[in-house]
Amino acid sequence: MSKFDFPPSIASRPVYGTLKPRKGTQHLMIADGAGAEALLDLVASAPEIMAQAHVIFISRGSDTHSEKLRAAGPAILHVGPSYPATVQRIRRVLQDTVMGAQIYLAGTEGLIGQAMNEALQAGIPLAAIQTEHRGSVARRVQCVHCKGITEGVMTDPFVCSHCGLNLFVRDHYSRRLAAFQGVCIDAEDPGEVPDPVELYK
């Protein structure tokens, strides 16, 4: 199942909703992976918004989702392989967005956080942005020591992909970085690292 109910956490942790159709001058939809399912559910309840929709989909190799989005008939559909390969297009579309536009973000936390950051920097009001989590619960984590970001973290603790430190994954979330924070778990007792456990288990 692509939906997941996150357990209660601290205030900085994002809370996700369910995408709802809204009246708007434009509809910008950004999704990755299973986030396409959230967009398709949205469109099923309001197919008329697709005439004004610009959809940016990060496929992660999912041709099935790409074809279903194409069949939904958006005004514009762009399919990219990854967020870094697509971010310039996202920035350009946000730069050209007009007042009254609605933004819909769906998929992984990494995608939602990064795209929301871009939208806010482009001057889109928070009230015009909706989010829905679908798919992987893997985290995007910044090492507070080397500042490197590791994508797709599924265990706690884990080894930083940049500096090799053993990191404890904190629930603290940086909206600016769209990442959780990882802190060295064995700084005082090097090598004393508990067995990793899967997040949310």
C-alpha atoms as a PDB file:
ATOM      1  CA  MET A   1       0.000   0.000   0.000  1.00  0.00           C
ATOM      2  CA  SER A   2       1.388   3.411  -0.910  1.00  0.00           C
ATOM      3  CA  LYS A   3      -0.167   5.332   2.023  1.00  0.00           C
ATOM      4  CA  PHE A   4       1.419   5.371   5.472  1.00  0.00           C
ATOM      5  CA  ASP A   5       0.200   6.859   8.741  1.00  0.00           C
ATOM      6  CA  PHE A   6       3.217   8.437  10.399  1.00  0.00           C
ATOM      7  CA  PRO A   7       3.330   8.144  14.204  1.00  0.00           C
ATOM      8  CA  PRO A   8       3.017  11.342  16.290  1.00  0.00           C
ATOM      9  CA  SER A   9       6.288  13.241  16.504  1.00  0.00           C
ATOM     10  CA  ILE A  10       7.799  16.609  17.384  1.00  0.00           C
ATOM     11  CA  ALA A  11       6.466  19.882  16.009  1.00  0.00           C
ATOM     12  CA  SER A  12       9.101  20.345  13.286  1.00  0.00           C
ATOM     13  CA  ARG A  13       8.117  17.108  11.550  1.00  0.00           C
ATOM     14  CA  PRO A  14       5.913  17.646   8.477  1.00  0.00           C
ATOM     15  CA  VAL A  15       2.288  16.544   8.527  1.00  0.00           C
ATOM     16  CA  TYR A  16       0.785  15.407   5.238  1.00  0.00           C
ATOM     17  CA  GLY A  17      -2.823  15.542   4.119  1.00  0.00           C
ATOM     18  CA  THR A  18      -4.849  14.343   1.157  1.00  0.00           C
ATOM     19  CA  LEU A  19      -4.898  16.330  -2.074  1.00  0.00           C
ATOM     20  CA  LYS A  20      -8.203  18.096  -2.733  1.00  0.00           C
ATOM     21  CA  PRO A  21      -9.191  19.947  -5.905  1.00  0.00           C
ATOM     22  CA  ARG A  22      -9.298  23.724  -5.527  1.00  0.00           C
ATOM     23  CA  LYS A  23     -10.271  26.539  -7.831  1.00  0.00           C
ATOM     24  CA  GLY A  24      -7.207  28.161  -9.343  1.00  0.00           C
ATOM     25  CA  THR A  25      -5.818  29.989 -12.338  1.00  0.00           C
ATOM     26  CA  GLN A  26      -3.222  27.228 -12.785  1.00  0.00           C
ATOM     27  CA  HIS A  27      -2.628  23.789 -11.304  1.00  0.00           C
ATOM     28  CA  LEU A  28       0.993  22.734 -10.876  1.00  0.00           C
ATOM     29  CA  MET A  29       1.343  19.094  -9.852  1.00  0.00           C
ATOM     30  CA  ILE A  30       4.720  17.663  -8.839  1.00  0.00           C
ATOM     31  CA  ALA A  31       5.071  14.008  -7.884  1.00  0.00           C
ATOM     32  CA  ASP A  32       7.462  11.103  -7.773  1.00  0.00           C
ATOM     33  CA  GLY A  33       6.894   7.341  -7.813  1.00  0.00           C
ATOM     34  CA  ALA A  34       3.660   6.378  -6.071  1.00  0.00           C
ATOM     35  CA  GLY A  35       2.796  10.071  -5.770  1.00  0.00           C
ATOM     36  CA  ALA A  36       1.286   9.648  -9.240  1.00  0.00           C
ATOM     37  CA  GLU A  37      -1.500   7.657  -7.560  1.00  0.00           C
ATOM     38  CA  ALA A  38      -2.393  10.677  -5.412  1.00  0.00           C
ATOM     39  CA  LEU A  39      -2.540  12.882  -8.518  1.00  0.00           C
ATOM     40  CA  LEU A  40      -4.735  10.339 -10.305  1.00  0.00           C
ATOM     41  CA  ASP A  41      -7.085  10.196  -7.296  1.00  0.00           C
ATOM     42  CA  LEU A  42      -7.237  13.998  -7.345  1.00  0.00           C
ATOM     43  CA  VAL A  43      -8.043  14.054 -11.047  1.00  0.00           C
ATOM     44  CA  ALA A  44     -10.707  11.365 -10.653  1.00  0.00           C
ATOM     45  CA  SER A  45     -12.619  13.716  -8.338  1.00  0.00           C
ATOM     46  CA  ALA A  46     -12.133  16.805 -10.544  1.00  0.00           C
ATOM     47  CA  PRO A  47     -11.120  15.899 -14.122  1.00  0.00           C
ATOM     48  CA  GLU A  48     -11.736  19.467 -15.313  1.00  0.00           C
ATOM     49  CA  ILE A  49      -8.581  20.767 -13.602  1.00  0.00           C
ATOM     50  CA  MET A  50      -6.365  18.848 -16.030  1.00  0.00           C
ATOM     51  CA  ALA A  51      -7.075  21.409 -18.756  1.00  0.00           C
ATOM     52  CA  GLN A  52      -5.016  23.885 -16.690  1.00  0.00           C
ATOM     53  CA  ALA A  53      -2.570  21.379 -15.202  1.00  0.00           C
ATOM     54  CA  HIS A  54       1.193  21.333 -15.602  1.00  0.00           C
ATOM     55  CA  VAL A  55       2.358  17.958 -14.281  1.00  0.00           C
ATOM     56  CA  ILE A  56       6.001  17.276 -13.449  1.00  0.00           C
ATOM     57  CA  PHE A  57       6.528  13.606 -12.661  1.00  0.00           C
ATOM     58  CA  ILE A  58       9.763  12.021 -11.474  1.00  0.00           C
ATOM     59  CA  SER A  59       9.273   8.505 -12.735  1.00  0.00           C
ATOM     60  CA  ARG A  60      11.985   6.580 -10.868  1.00  0.00           C
ATOM     61  CA  GLY A  61      11.605   4.040 -13.682  1.00  0.00           C
ATOM     62  CA  SER A  62       7.805   3.728 -13.406  1.00  0.00           C
ATOM     63  CA  ASP A  63       6.536   3.850 -16.985  1.00  0.00           C
ATOM     64  CA  THR A  64       3.091   2.625 -15.863  1.00  0.00           C
ATOM     65  CA  HIS A  65       2.520   5.726 -13.733  1.00  0.00           C
ATOM     66  CA  SER A  66       3.825   7.961 -16.519  1.00  0.00           C
ATOM     67  CA  GLU A  67       1.368   6.508 -19.025  1.00  0.00           C
ATOM     68  CA  LYS A  68      -1.566   6.798 -16.626  1.00  0.00           C
ATOM     69  CA  LEU A  69      -0.737  10.461 -16.026  1.00  0.00           C
ATOM     70  CA  ARG A  70      -0.473  11.044 -19.779  1.00  0.00           C
ATOM     71  CA  ALA A  71      -3.862   9.376 -20.282  1.00  0.00           C
ATOM     72  CA  ALA A  72      -5.396  11.757 -17.716  1.00  0.00           C
ATOM     73  CA  GLY A  73      -4.850  14.537 -20.263  1.00  0.00           C
ATOM     74  CA  PRO A  74      -2.874  17.306 -18.535  1.00  0.00           C
ATOM     75  CA  ALA A  75      -2.185  20.480 -20.491  1.00  0.00           C
ATOM     76  CA  ILE A  76       1.549  19.809 -19.995  1.00  0.00           C
ATOM     77  CA  LEU A  77       3.298  16.668 -18.762  1.00  0.00           C
ATOM     78  CA  HIS A  78       7.026  16.483 -18.151  1.00  0.00           C
ATOM     79  CA  VAL A  79       8.579  13.190 -17.031  1.00  0.00           C
ATOM     80  CA  GLY A  80      12.053  13.288 -15.519  1.00  0.00           C
ATOM     81  CA  PRO A  81      14.336  10.570 -14.143  1.00  0.00           C
ATOM     82  CA  SER A  82      15.293  12.197 -10.814  1.00  0.00           C
ATOM     83  CA  TYR A  83      14.774  15.298  -8.702  1.00  0.00           C
ATOM     84  CA  PRO A  84      18.209  16.824  -9.520  1.00  0.00           C
ATOM     85  CA  ALA A  85      17.514  16.328 -13.241  1.00  0.00           C
ATOM     86  CA  THR A  86      14.132  18.056 -12.899  1.00  0.00           C
ATOM     87  CA  VAL A  87      14.735  20.851 -10.401  1.00  0.00           C
ATOM     88  CA  GLN A  88      15.599  23.498 -13.013  1.00  0.00           C
ATOM     89  CA  ARG A  89      12.275  22.887 -14.752  1.00  0.00           C
ATOM     90  CA  ILE A  90      10.449  23.092 -11.415  1.00  0.00           C
ATOM     91  CA  ARG A  91      12.131  26.432 -10.687  1.00  0.00           C
ATOM     92  CA  ARG A  92      11.258  27.808 -14.127  1.00  0.00           C
ATOM     93  CA  VAL A  93       7.610  26.759 -13.892  1.00  0.00           C
ATOM     94  CA  LEU A  94       7.321  28.258 -10.398  1.00  0.00           C
ATOM     95  CA  GLN A  95       8.936  31.468 -11.656  1.00  0.00           C
ATOM     96  CA  ASP A  96       6.238  31.733 -14.348  1.00  0.00           C
ATOM     97  CA  THR A  97       3.346  30.866 -12.038  1.00  0.00           C
ATOM     98  CA  VAL A  98       0.587  33.479 -11.847  1.00  0.00           C
ATOM     99  CA  MET A  99      -1.447  34.648  -8.873  1.00  0.00           C
ATOM    100  CA  GLY A 100      -4.155  32.197  -7.900  1.00  0.00           C
ATOM    101  CA  ALA A 101      -2.184  29.093  -8.867  1.00  0.00           C
ATOM    102  CA  GLN A 102      -2.587  25.923  -6.827  1.00  0.00           C
ATOM    103  CA  ILE A 103       0.364  23.629  -6.106  1.00  0.00           C
ATOM    104  CA  TYR A 104      -0.049  19.902  -5.457  1.00  0.00           C
ATOM    105  CA  LEU A 105       2.938  17.882  -4.172  1.00  0.00           C
ATOM    106  CA  ALA A 106       2.739  14.103  -3.808  1.00  0.00           C
ATOM    107  CA  GLY A 107       5.120  11.221  -3.229  1.00  0.00           C
ATOM    108  CA  THR A 108       8.122  10.771  -0.975  1.00  0.00           C
ATOM    109  CA  GLU A 109       9.100  13.091   1.857  1.00  0.00           C
ATOM    110  CA  GLY A 110      12.277  14.046   0.009  1.00  0.00           C
ATOM    111  CA  LEU A 111      10.374  15.194  -3.070  1.00  0.00           C
ATOM    112  CA  ILE A 112       7.678  17.002  -1.089  1.00  0.00           C
ATOM    113  CA  GLY A 113      10.162  18.838   1.133  1.00  0.00           C
ATOM    114  CA  GLN A 114      12.443  19.961  -1.677  1.00  0.00           C
ATOM    115  CA  ALA A 115       9.608  21.024  -3.997  1.00  0.00           C
ATOM    116  CA  MET A 116       7.831  22.888  -1.185  1.00  0.00           C
ATOM    117  CA  ASN A 117      11.055  24.741  -0.412  1.00  0.00           C
ATOM    118  CA  GLU A 118      11.316  25.790  -4.072  1.00  0.00           C
ATOM    119  CA  ALA A 119       7.674  26.916  -4.123  1.00  0.00           C
ATOM    120  CA  LEU A 120       8.045  29.018  -0.989  1.00  0.00           C
ATOM    121  CA  GLN A 121      11.252  30.605  -2.299  1.00  0.00           C
ATOM    122  CA  ALA A 122       9.363  31.475  -5.495  1.00  0.00           C
ATOM    123  CA  GLY A 123       6.812  33.379  -3.410  1.00  0.00           C
ATOM    124  CA  ILE A 124       3.963  30.867  -3.523  1.00  0.00           C
ATOM    125  CA  PRO A 125       1.823  31.294  -0.381  1.00  0.00           C
ATOM    126  CA  LEU A 126       1.777  28.279   1.925  1.00  0.00           C
ATOM    127  CA  ALA A 127      -2.030  28.229   1.752  1.00  0.00           C
ATOM    128  CA  ALA A 128      -1.802  27.461  -1.988  1.00  0.00           C
ATOM    129  CA  ILE A 129       0.357  24.336  -1.460  1.00  0.00           C
ATOM    130  CA  GLN A 130      -1.079  20.916  -0.657  1.00  0.00           C
ATOM    131  CA  THR A 131       0.902  17.766   0.105  1.00  0.00           C
ATOM    132  CA  GLU A 132       0.172  14.055   0.225  1.00  0.00           C
ATOM    133  CA  HIS A 133       2.689  11.385   1.140  1.00  0.00           C
ATOM    134  CA  ARG A 134       2.676   8.247  -0.988  1.00  0.00           C
ATOM    135  CA  GLY A 135       5.274   5.529  -1.362  1.00  0.00           C
ATOM    136  CA  SER A 136       8.566   5.030   0.417  1.00  0.00           C
ATOM    137  CA  VAL A 137       9.025   6.168   4.023  1.00  0.00           C
ATOM    138  CA  ALA A 138      12.801   6.421   3.551  1.00  0.00           C
ATOM    139  CA  ARG A 139      14.246   9.647   4.923  1.00  0.00           C
ATOM    140  CA  ARG A 140      16.516  12.291   3.484  1.00  0.00           C
ATOM    141  CA  VAL A 141      19.055  12.926   6.246  1.00  0.00           C
ATOM    142  CA  GLN A 142      21.724  15.593   6.707  1.00  0.00           C
ATOM    143  CA  CYS A 143      24.802  14.721   8.737  1.00  0.00           C
ATOM    144  CA  VAL A 144      25.214  17.617  11.184  1.00  0.00           C
ATOM    145  CA  HIS A 145      28.986  17.003  11.218  1.00  0.00           C
ATOM    146  CA  CYS A 146      29.981  17.033   7.526  1.00  0.00           C
ATOM    147  CA  LYS A 147      26.727  18.612   6.214  1.00  0.00           C
ATOM    148  CA  GLY A 148      26.413  15.868   3.565  1.00  0.00           C
ATOM    149  CA  ILE A 149      22.925  14.630   2.701  1.00  0.00           C
ATOM    150  CA  THR A 150      22.135  10.939   2.364  1.00  0.00           C
ATOM    151  CA  GLU A 151      18.970   9.977   0.476  1.00  0.00           C
ATOM    152  CA  GLY A 152      16.830   6.926   1.118  1.00  0.00           C
ATOM    153  CA  VAL A 153      17.733   6.234   4.763  1.00  0.00           C
ATOM    154  CA  MET A 154      15.677   3.304   6.069  1.00  0.00           C
ATOM    155  CA  THR A 155      17.531   2.344   9.270  1.00  0.00           C
ATOM    156  CA  ASP A 156      18.532   3.980  12.518  1.00  0.00           C
ATOM    157  CA  PRO A 157      21.430   4.270  13.113  1.00  0.00           C
ATOM    158  CA  PHE A 158      23.038   4.371   9.671  1.00  0.00           C
ATOM    159  CA  VAL A 159      26.458   5.220   8.211  1.00  0.00           C
ATOM    160  CA  CYS A 160      26.818   8.665   6.622  1.00  0.00           C
ATOM    161  CA  SER A 161      27.488   8.232   2.914  1.00  0.00           C
ATOM    162  CA  HIS A 162      29.860  11.230   2.973  1.00  0.00           C
ATOM    163  CA  CYS A 163      32.020  11.044   6.105  1.00  0.00           C
ATOM    164  CA  GLY A 164      31.366   7.491   7.348  1.00  0.00           C
ATOM    165  CA  LEU A 165      30.177   8.442  10.845  1.00  0.00           C
ATOM    166  CA  ASN A 166      27.541   6.305  12.555  1.00  0.00           C
ATOM    167  CA  LEU A 167      24.494   8.545  12.762  1.00  0.00           C
ATOM    168  CA  PHE A 168      21.408   8.524  14.944  1.00  0.00           C
ATOM    169  CA  VAL A 169      18.411   9.765  12.904  1.00  0.00           C
ATOM    170  CA  ARG A 170      16.609  12.447  14.878  1.00  0.00           C
ATOM    171  CA  ASP A 171      12.968  13.348  14.303  1.00  0.00           C
ATOM    172  CA  HIS A 172      14.066  16.980  13.994  1.00  0.00           C
ATOM    173  CA  TYR A 173      13.288  18.148  10.448  1.00  0.00           C
ATOM    174  CA  SER A 174      14.846  21.143   8.712  1.00  0.00           C
ATOM    175  CA  ARG A 175      12.368  22.719   6.296  1.00  0.00           C
ATOM    176  CA  ARG A 176      15.180  24.795   4.801  1.00  0.00           C
ATOM    177  CA  LEU A 177      17.133  21.651   3.888  1.00  0.00           C
ATOM    178  CA  ALA A 178      14.102  19.370   3.453  1.00  0.00           C
ATOM    179  CA  ALA A 179      15.975  16.818   5.551  1.00  0.00           C
ATOM    180  CA  PHE A 180      16.028  15.165   8.934  1.00  0.00           C
ATOM    181  CA  GLN A 181      19.130  15.543  11.090  1.00  0.00           C
ATOM    182  CA  GLY A 182      21.665  12.810  11.786  1.00  0.00           C
ATOM    183  CA  VAL A 183      23.967  13.019  14.828  1.00  0.00           C
ATOM    184  CA  CYS A 184      27.010  10.853  15.607  1.00  0.00           C
ATOM    185  CA  ILE A 185      25.831   8.072  17.900  1.00  0.00           C
ATOM    186  CA  ASP A 186      29.237   6.872  19.130  1.00  0.00           C
ATOM    187  CA  ALA A 187      31.158  10.119  19.594  1.00  0.00           C
ATOM    188  CA  GLU A 188      31.968   9.386  23.250  1.00  0.00           C
ATOM    189  CA  ASP A 189      32.390   5.624  22.855  1.00  0.00           C
ATOM    190  CA  PRO A 190      33.737   4.950  19.338  1.00  0.00           C
ATOM    191  CA  GLY A 191      32.517   1.650  17.973  1.00  0.00           C
ATOM    192  CA  GLU A 192      29.691   1.316  20.507  1.00  0.00           C
ATOM    193  CA  VAL A 193      26.868   1.295  17.977  1.00  0.00           C
ATOM    194  CA  PRO A 194      23.548  -0.469  18.516  1.00  0.00           C
ATOM    195  CA  ASP A 195      22.200  -2.761  15.827  1.00  0.00           C
ATOM    196  CA  PRO A 196      20.315  -0.790  13.168  1.00  0.00           C
ATOM    197  CA  VAL A 197      16.540  -1.059  13.208  1.00  0.00           C
ATOM    198  CA  GLU A 198      14.152  -0.192  10.409  1.00  0.00           C
ATOM    199  CA  LEU A 199      12.506   3.206  10.739  1.00  0.00           C
ATOM    200  CA  TYR A 200       8.896   3.101  11.956  1.00  0.00           C
ATOM    201  CA  LYS A 201       9.202  -0.530  13.142  1.00  0.00           C
END
